[in-house]
Amino acid sequence: MRKEIENLLASDKTAYEIAQATGMSPSNITDLRVGKRKLDNVTLANAEKLYDYQVNSSLRTEEGEAIE
């Protein structure tokens, strides 16, 4: 789970885009990215949201449609 979240935070997706999809605030995403906030201190609920977003957004067909 940690590796997937780290990959998401290192991706080119904007903090706003991640925030819209997860319900987290863009500032929390930015704080995680720059190291102001540690991933170890994220709630389990937020970690699950970030993980689910990363896993589901990486499951795309060549046409760009989500796999259900």
N, C-alpha and C. Protein backbone atom coordinates (compact mmCIF):
# COMPACT_ATOMS: atom_id res chain seq x y z
N MET A 1 0.83 -1.19 0.00
CA MET A 1 0.00 0.00 0.00
C MET A 1 0.88 1.26 0.00
N ARG A 2 1.91 1.25 0.82
CA ARG A 2 2.79 2.42 0.93
C ARG A 2 3.42 2.76 -0.41
N LYS A 3 3.91 1.75 -1.12
CA LYS A 3 4.59 1.99 -2.39
C LYS A 3 3.63 2.62 -3.41
N GLU A 4 2.40 2.15 -3.45
CA GLU A 4 1.41 2.71 -4.38
C GLU A 4 1.12 4.17 -4.05
N ILE A 5 1.01 4.48 -2.76
CA ILE A 5 0.75 5.87 -2.35
C ILE A 5 1.95 6.74 -2.68
N GLU A 6 3.15 6.24 -2.44
CA GLU A 6 4.35 7.00 -2.78
C GLU A 6 4.43 7.25 -4.29
N ASN A 7 4.04 6.26 -5.08
CA ASN A 7 4.02 6.43 -6.54
C ASN A 7 3.01 7.51 -6.93
N LEU A 8 1.86 7.52 -6.29
CA LEU A 8 0.85 8.54 -6.57
C LEU A 8 1.38 9.92 -6.23
N LEU A 9 1.99 10.06 -5.07
CA LEU A 9 2.50 11.36 -4.66
C LEU A 9 3.64 11.85 -5.55
N ALA A 10 4.37 10.91 -6.15
CA ALA A 10 5.47 11.27 -7.05
C ALA A 10 5.00 11.46 -8.49
N SER A 11 3.74 11.19 -8.75
CA SER A 11 3.23 11.27 -10.12
C SER A 11 3.05 12.71 -10.57
N ASP A 12 2.68 12.87 -11.82
CA ASP A 12 2.45 14.20 -12.37
C ASP A 12 1.01 14.68 -12.16
N LYS A 13 0.22 13.92 -11.43
CA LYS A 13 -1.14 14.36 -11.11
C LYS A 13 -1.05 15.54 -10.14
N THR A 14 -1.92 16.52 -10.35
CA THR A 14 -1.90 17.69 -9.47
C THR A 14 -2.50 17.36 -8.12
N ALA A 15 -2.14 18.14 -7.12
CA ALA A 15 -2.72 17.98 -5.79
C ALA A 15 -4.23 18.18 -5.85
N TYR A 16 -4.65 19.11 -6.70
CA TYR A 16 -6.08 19.38 -6.84
C TYR A 16 -6.80 18.16 -7.41
N GLU A 17 -6.24 17.54 -8.43
CA GLU A 17 -6.84 16.35 -9.04
C GLU A 17 -6.96 15.21 -8.03
N ILE A 18 -5.90 14.98 -7.28
CA ILE A 18 -5.92 13.92 -6.27
C ILE A 18 -6.94 14.25 -5.18
N ALA A 19 -6.96 15.51 -4.77
CA ALA A 19 -7.89 15.93 -3.73
C ALA A 19 -9.34 15.76 -4.17
N GLN A 20 -9.65 16.11 -5.41
CA GLN A 20 -11.01 15.96 -5.92
C GLN A 20 -11.44 14.50 -5.90
N ALA A 21 -10.53 13.61 -6.23
CA ALA A 21 -10.86 12.19 -6.31
C ALA A 21 -10.93 11.51 -4.95
N THR A 22 -10.19 12.04 -3.97
CA THR A 22 -10.09 11.37 -2.68
C THR A 22 -10.87 12.04 -1.56
N GLY A 23 -11.21 13.30 -1.75
CA GLY A 23 -11.88 14.03 -0.68
C GLY A 23 -10.92 14.66 0.32
N MET A 24 -9.63 14.50 0.10
CA MET A 24 -8.64 15.14 0.96
C MET A 24 -8.43 16.56 0.48
N SER A 25 -7.82 17.39 1.30
CA SER A 25 -7.56 18.77 0.88
C SER A 25 -6.28 18.81 0.04
N PRO A 26 -6.24 19.71 -0.94
CA PRO A 26 -5.03 19.85 -1.75
C PRO A 26 -3.80 20.19 -0.91
N SER A 27 -4.00 20.95 0.16
CA SER A 27 -2.85 21.31 1.00
C SER A 27 -2.28 20.08 1.71
N ASN A 28 -3.13 19.13 2.09
CA ASN A 28 -2.62 17.90 2.71
C ASN A 28 -1.82 17.08 1.70
N ILE A 29 -2.27 17.04 0.47
CA ILE A 29 -1.54 16.32 -0.58
C ILE A 29 -0.18 16.98 -0.79
N THR A 30 -0.17 18.30 -0.89
CA THR A 30 1.08 19.03 -1.08
C THR A 30 2.02 18.82 0.09
N ASP A 31 1.49 18.88 1.31
CA ASP A 31 2.31 18.66 2.50
C ASP A 31 2.96 17.27 2.49
N LEU A 32 2.22 16.27 2.03
CA LEU A 32 2.79 14.92 1.92
C LEU A 32 3.89 14.89 0.87
N ARG A 33 3.68 15.58 -0.22
CA ARG A 33 4.66 15.59 -1.31
C ARG A 33 5.97 16.25 -0.93
N VAL A 34 5.89 17.35 -0.20
CA VAL A 34 7.11 18.10 0.13
C VAL A 34 7.75 17.65 1.44
N GLY A 35 7.12 16.71 2.13
CA GLY A 35 7.69 16.18 3.36
C GLY A 35 7.32 16.95 4.62
N LYS A 36 6.43 17.92 4.49
CA LYS A 36 5.97 18.67 5.66
C LYS A 36 5.11 17.77 6.55
N ARG A 37 4.48 16.81 5.94
CA ARG A 37 3.65 15.84 6.64
C ARG A 37 4.14 14.45 6.25
N LYS A 38 4.23 13.54 7.22
CA LYS A 38 4.75 12.21 6.95
C LYS A 38 3.62 11.24 6.64
N LEU A 39 3.89 10.34 5.72
CA LEU A 39 2.91 9.33 5.35
C LEU A 39 2.55 8.45 6.55
N ASP A 40 3.48 8.29 7.47
CA ASP A 40 3.22 7.50 8.68
C ASP A 40 2.12 8.10 9.54
N ASN A 41 1.87 9.40 9.39
CA ASN A 41 0.88 10.07 10.23
C ASN A 41 -0.47 10.27 9.54
N VAL A 42 -0.64 9.69 8.37
CA VAL A 42 -1.91 9.78 7.65
C VAL A 42 -2.89 8.77 8.26
N THR A 43 -4.14 9.17 8.36
CA THR A 43 -5.12 8.23 8.90
C THR A 43 -5.29 7.05 7.95
N LEU A 44 -5.75 5.95 8.48
CA LEU A 44 -5.98 4.77 7.66
C LEU A 44 -7.01 5.07 6.58
N ALA A 45 -8.02 5.83 6.93
CA ALA A 45 -9.07 6.17 5.96
C ALA A 45 -8.47 6.94 4.78
N ASN A 46 -7.62 7.92 5.05
CA ASN A 46 -7.01 8.69 3.96
C ASN A 46 -6.01 7.86 3.18
N ALA A 47 -5.28 6.98 3.86
CA ALA A 47 -4.35 6.09 3.15
C ALA A 47 -5.12 5.19 2.20
N GLU A 48 -6.26 4.69 2.63
CA GLU A 48 -7.08 3.84 1.76
C GLU A 48 -7.59 4.62 0.56
N LYS A 49 -8.00 5.87 0.76
CA LYS A 49 -8.48 6.70 -0.35
C LYS A 49 -7.37 6.92 -1.37
N LEU A 50 -6.17 7.25 -0.89
CA LEU A 50 -5.04 7.47 -1.79
C LEU A 50 -4.68 6.19 -2.55
N TYR A 51 -4.64 5.10 -1.83
CA TYR A 51 -4.31 3.81 -2.43
C TYR A 51 -5.35 3.43 -3.49
N ASP A 52 -6.62 3.52 -3.14
CA ASP A 52 -7.69 3.16 -4.08
C ASP A 52 -7.63 4.03 -5.33
N TYR A 53 -7.39 5.30 -5.15
CA TYR A 53 -7.29 6.20 -6.31
C TYR A 53 -6.12 5.80 -7.21
N GLN A 54 -4.97 5.52 -6.62
CA GLN A 54 -3.80 5.14 -7.40
C GLN A 54 -4.05 3.83 -8.15
N VAL A 55 -4.57 2.85 -7.47
CA VAL A 55 -4.79 1.54 -8.09
C VAL A 55 -5.85 1.65 -9.19
N ASN A 56 -6.94 2.33 -8.91
CA ASN A 56 -8.02 2.43 -9.90
C ASN A 56 -7.64 3.31 -11.07
N SER A 57 -6.83 4.34 -10.85
CA SER A 57 -6.44 5.20 -11.97
C SER A 57 -5.39 4.53 -12.84
N SER A 58 -4.69 3.54 -12.31
CA SER A 58 -3.70 2.85 -13.12
C SER A 58 -4.32 1.70 -13.92
N LEU A 59 -5.57 1.36 -13.62
CA LEU A 59 -6.27 0.31 -14.37
C LEU A 59 -7.06 0.94 -15.50
N ARG A 60 -6.37 1.30 -16.54
CA ARG A 60 -6.99 1.95 -17.70
C ARG A 60 -6.72 1.12 -18.94
N THR A 61 -7.67 1.11 -19.81
CA THR A 61 -7.46 0.46 -21.10
C THR A 61 -6.71 1.42 -22.00
N GLU A 62 -6.32 0.97 -23.15
CA GLU A 62 -5.61 1.83 -24.09
C GLU A 62 -6.48 2.99 -24.55
N GLU A 63 -7.79 2.81 -24.53
CA GLU A 63 -8.70 3.87 -24.92
C GLU A 63 -8.93 4.89 -23.82
N GLY A 64 -8.35 4.65 -22.65
CA GLY A 64 -8.50 5.58 -21.54
C GLY A 64 -9.74 5.37 -20.71
N GLU A 65 -10.41 4.24 -20.90
CA GLU A 65 -11.61 3.95 -20.12
C GLU A 65 -11.22 3.11 -18.91
N ALA A 66 -11.91 3.35 -17.82
CA ALA A 66 -11.63 2.59 -16.61
C ALA A 66 -12.11 1.15 -16.78
N ILE A 67 -11.36 0.24 -16.22
CA ILE A 67 -11.76 -1.17 -16.19
C ILE A 67 -12.63 -1.37 -14.97
N GLU A 68 -13.77 -1.98 -15.14
CA GLU A 68 -14.68 -2.18 -14.01
C GLU A 68 -14.62 -3.60 -13.53
